[in-house]
Protein backbone atom coordinates (compact mmCIF):
# COMPACT_ATOMS: atom_id res chain seq x y z
CA UNK A 1 0.00 0.00 0.00
CA UNK A 2 2.85 2.40 0.84
CA UNK A 3 4.43 1.57 -2.50
CA UNK A 4 1.18 2.40 -4.30
CA UNK A 5 0.92 5.82 -2.56
CA UNK A 6 4.58 6.55 -3.39
CA UNK A 7 3.92 5.62 -7.02
CA UNK A 8 0.90 7.96 -7.18
CA UNK A 9 2.94 10.83 -5.64
CA UNK A 10 5.79 10.25 -8.14
CA UNK A 11 3.24 10.21 -10.97
CA UNK A 12 1.66 13.52 -9.80
CA UNK A 13 5.05 15.23 -9.40
CA UNK A 14 6.14 13.96 -12.85
CA UNK A 15 2.95 15.32 -14.39
CA UNK A 16 3.49 18.74 -12.76
CA UNK A 17 7.12 18.89 -13.96
CA UNK A 18 6.15 17.92 -17.52
CA UNK A 19 3.37 20.55 -17.59
CA UNK A 20 5.77 23.21 -16.29
CA UNK A 21 8.33 22.34 -18.98
CA UNK A 22 5.68 22.42 -21.73
CA UNK A 23 4.54 25.85 -20.52
CA UNK A 24 8.12 27.15 -20.73
CA UNK A 25 8.65 25.75 -24.22
CA UNK A 26 5.30 26.87 -25.66
CA UNK A 27 5.60 30.19 -27.60
CA UNK A 28 3.79 33.00 -25.87
CA UNK A 29 1.12 34.88 -27.74
CA UNK A 30 1.37 38.66 -27.92
CA UNK A 31 -1.97 39.84 -26.55
CA UNK A 32 -1.44 43.35 -27.95
CA UNK A 33 -1.46 42.24 -31.57
CA UNK A 34 -4.43 39.93 -31.70
CA UNK A 35 -8.14 40.26 -31.20
CA UNK A 36 -10.88 42.44 -32.52
CA UNK A 37 -10.68 46.21 -32.74
CA UNK A 38 -13.11 47.69 -30.29
CA UNK A 39 -14.58 51.15 -30.90
CA UNK A 40 -14.60 52.84 -27.53
CA UNK A 41 -15.35 56.32 -28.82
CA UNK A 42 -18.70 56.46 -27.03
CA UNK A 43 -16.89 55.63 -23.82
CA UNK A 44 -14.73 58.75 -24.16
CA UNK A 45 -17.05 61.17 -25.92
CA UNK A 46 -20.82 61.35 -26.11
CA UNK A 47 -21.30 60.88 -29.85
CA UNK A 48 -25.06 61.35 -29.70
CA UNK A 49 -24.60 65.17 -29.65
CA UNK A 50 -21.31 66.13 -31.27
CA UNK A 51 -20.52 69.87 -31.21
CA UNK A 52 -19.95 70.32 -34.96
CA UNK A 53 -21.46 72.51 -37.63
CA UNK A 54 -20.69 73.24 -41.25
CA UNK A 55 -18.51 76.31 -41.83
CA UNK A 56 -20.18 79.29 -43.46
CA UNK A 57 -17.29 79.35 -45.96
CA UNK A 58 -13.88 77.80 -46.43
CA UNK A 59 -12.07 80.87 -47.75
CA UNK A 60 -11.84 84.34 -46.26
CA UNK A 61 -13.23 87.25 -48.28
CA UNK A 62 -9.77 88.19 -49.59
CA UNK A 63 -8.96 84.57 -50.41
CA UNK A 64 -12.24 84.32 -52.34
CA UNK A 65 -11.30 87.38 -54.40
CA UNK A 66 -7.94 85.84 -55.30
CA UNK A 67 -9.52 82.42 -55.94
CA UNK A 68 -12.04 83.95 -58.34
CA UNK A 69 -9.27 85.82 -60.19
CA UNK A 70 -7.26 82.61 -60.47
CA UNK A 71 -10.33 80.63 -61.55
CA UNK A 72 -11.10 83.21 -64.26
CA UNK A 73 -7.60 82.72 -65.66
CA UNK A 74 -7.48 78.93 -65.36
CA UNK A 75 -11.03 78.10 -66.50
CA UNK A 76 -10.87 75.94 -69.64
CA UNK A 77 -7.06 75.85 -69.45
CA UNK A 78 -6.75 72.29 -68.12
CA UNK A 79 -6.19 73.12 -64.47
CA UNK A 80 -8.17 72.85 -61.25
CA UNK A 81 -7.69 74.77 -58.01
CA UNK A 82 -7.75 73.05 -54.61
CA UNK A 83 -7.99 75.31 -51.55
CA UNK A 84 -6.46 74.38 -48.18
CA UNK A 85 -4.73 71.14 -49.06
CA UNK A 86 -2.24 69.16 -46.97
CA UNK A 87 1.29 69.13 -48.30
CA UNK A 88 1.31 65.35 -47.88
CA UNK A 89 -1.38 65.16 -50.59
CA UNK A 90 0.94 66.88 -53.07
CA UNK A 91 4.44 65.61 -52.30
CA UNK A 92 5.76 62.37 -50.87
CA UNK A 93 8.81 61.40 -48.86
CA UNK A 94 11.52 59.42 -50.61
CA UNK A 95 13.39 56.63 -48.83
CA UNK A 96 14.84 58.18 -45.70
CA UNK A 97 16.01 57.02 -42.28
CA UNK A 98 13.52 59.48 -40.74
CA UNK A 99 10.64 58.66 -43.09
CA UNK A 100 7.92 58.91 -40.41
CA UNK A 101 9.16 62.27 -39.13
CA UNK A 102 9.32 63.80 -42.61
CA UNK A 103 5.88 62.41 -43.46
CA UNK A 104 4.38 63.82 -40.27
CA UNK A 105 5.86 67.25 -41.01
CA UNK A 106 4.09 67.22 -44.38
CA UNK A 107 0.81 66.13 -42.79
CA UNK A 108 1.07 68.96 -40.26
CA UNK A 109 1.23 71.65 -42.95
CA UNK A 110 -1.34 72.90 -45.39
CA UNK A 111 -1.01 75.08 -48.44
CA UNK A 112 -3.54 77.82 -49.04
CA UNK A 113 -4.15 76.60 -52.59
CA UNK A 114 -2.74 74.19 -55.13
CA UNK A 115 -3.15 74.07 -58.89
CA UNK A 116 -3.45 70.60 -60.40
CA UNK A 117 -3.41 69.39 -63.98
CA UNK A 118 -7.04 68.41 -64.63
CA UNK A 119 -6.05 65.46 -66.85
CA UNK A 120 -3.95 63.54 -64.33
CA UNK A 121 -4.36 65.56 -61.11
CA UNK A 122 -0.61 66.12 -60.95
CA UNK A 123 0.33 69.11 -58.77
CA UNK A 124 1.82 71.90 -60.89
CA UNK A 125 1.82 74.88 -58.50
CA UNK A 126 1.57 75.50 -54.76
CA UNK A 127 0.16 78.81 -53.54
CA UNK A 128 0.61 80.35 -50.10
CA UNK A 129 -0.74 83.64 -48.89
CA UNK A 130 1.97 85.84 -47.43
CA UNK A 131 1.62 87.16 -43.93
CA UNK A 132 3.93 90.18 -43.56
CA UNK A 133 3.56 90.25 -39.77
CA UNK A 134 3.90 86.50 -39.24
CA UNK A 135 5.40 85.37 -35.96
CA UNK A 136 8.81 83.70 -35.90
CA UNK A 137 7.16 80.27 -35.46
CA UNK A 138 5.16 80.79 -38.66
CA UNK A 139 8.27 81.99 -40.47
CA UNK A 140 10.15 78.81 -39.51
CA UNK A 141 7.20 76.73 -40.71
CA UNK A 142 7.11 78.71 -43.94
CA UNK A 143 10.85 78.12 -44.42
CA UNK A 144 10.29 74.37 -44.11
CA UNK A 145 7.40 74.58 -46.59
CA UNK A 146 9.56 76.45 -49.10
CA UNK A 147 12.46 74.00 -48.78
CA UNK A 148 10.20 70.93 -48.99
CA UNK A 149 8.49 72.22 -52.13
CA UNK A 150 11.86 73.07 -53.70
CA UNK A 151 13.16 69.57 -52.91
CA UNK A 152 10.06 68.06 -54.54
CA UNK A 153 10.37 70.30 -57.60
CA UNK A 154 6.96 71.92 -57.07
CA UNK A 155 6.96 75.69 -57.70
CA UNK A 156 5.57 77.99 -55.02
CA UNK A 157 3.67 81.21 -55.66
CA UNK A 158 3.43 83.61 -52.74
CA UNK A 159 0.50 86.00 -52.81
CA UNK A 160 0.01 89.07 -50.65
CA UNK A 161 -3.75 89.36 -50.11
CA UNK A 162 -3.39 93.03 -49.18
CA UNK A 163 -2.08 93.63 -52.70
CA UNK A 164 -3.76 91.12 -55.04
CA UNK A 165 -2.10 91.27 -58.47
CA UNK A 166 -3.92 92.44 -61.57
CA UNK A 167 -5.09 89.74 -63.95
CA UNK A 168 -2.36 90.46 -66.52
CA UNK A 169 0.36 90.33 -63.86
CA UNK A 170 -0.99 87.06 -62.47
CA UNK A 171 -1.08 85.50 -65.96
CA UNK A 172 2.58 86.51 -66.45
CA UNK A 173 3.52 85.05 -63.05
CA UNK A 174 1.68 81.79 -63.74
CA UNK A 175 3.50 81.43 -67.05
CA UNK A 176 6.80 82.13 -65.29
CA UNK A 177 5.98 79.24 -62.92
CA UNK A 178 5.45 76.87 -65.86
CA UNK A 179 1.67 76.96 -66.36
CA UNK A 180 0.40 77.08 -69.92
CA UNK A 181 -2.26 79.78 -69.83
CA UNK A 182 -3.57 82.05 -72.57
């Protein structure tokens, strides 16, 4: 009888040791990368009454005046105008060790307008409105914008909304920047 009890104890200990070894050998699952995506937005924000409304307009009064002048010139010329567009929609980052950082910098910046070829939607001109009294932070951001556009080979037109050019002058400037306008 004592031998039988000893045999049962040895069997139980052996089973526990084998289970412990199997647990150590078994690859562990990464719980962070598996499972369903759970939308918890209602848990953080009451989405039944979101505080949003449609803007009265996208462009300021001065921007609308310039947009209309530009549209008058470019109508039926094979170009379209896109207001307030992210730089990341117009230029991409080439292979770089800091790819994510450069991409994020483009996503963080918008251009006031962009002119695209209407046949293939290729960007042909970036337009930014000049702010003569811009703070140093804005000037640094503008310097990055200028350098990024130059690196991508996309021309930049700066427009002072306090002194909107005449139609003839704007046509000349657009031609100088490579647009084919009559």
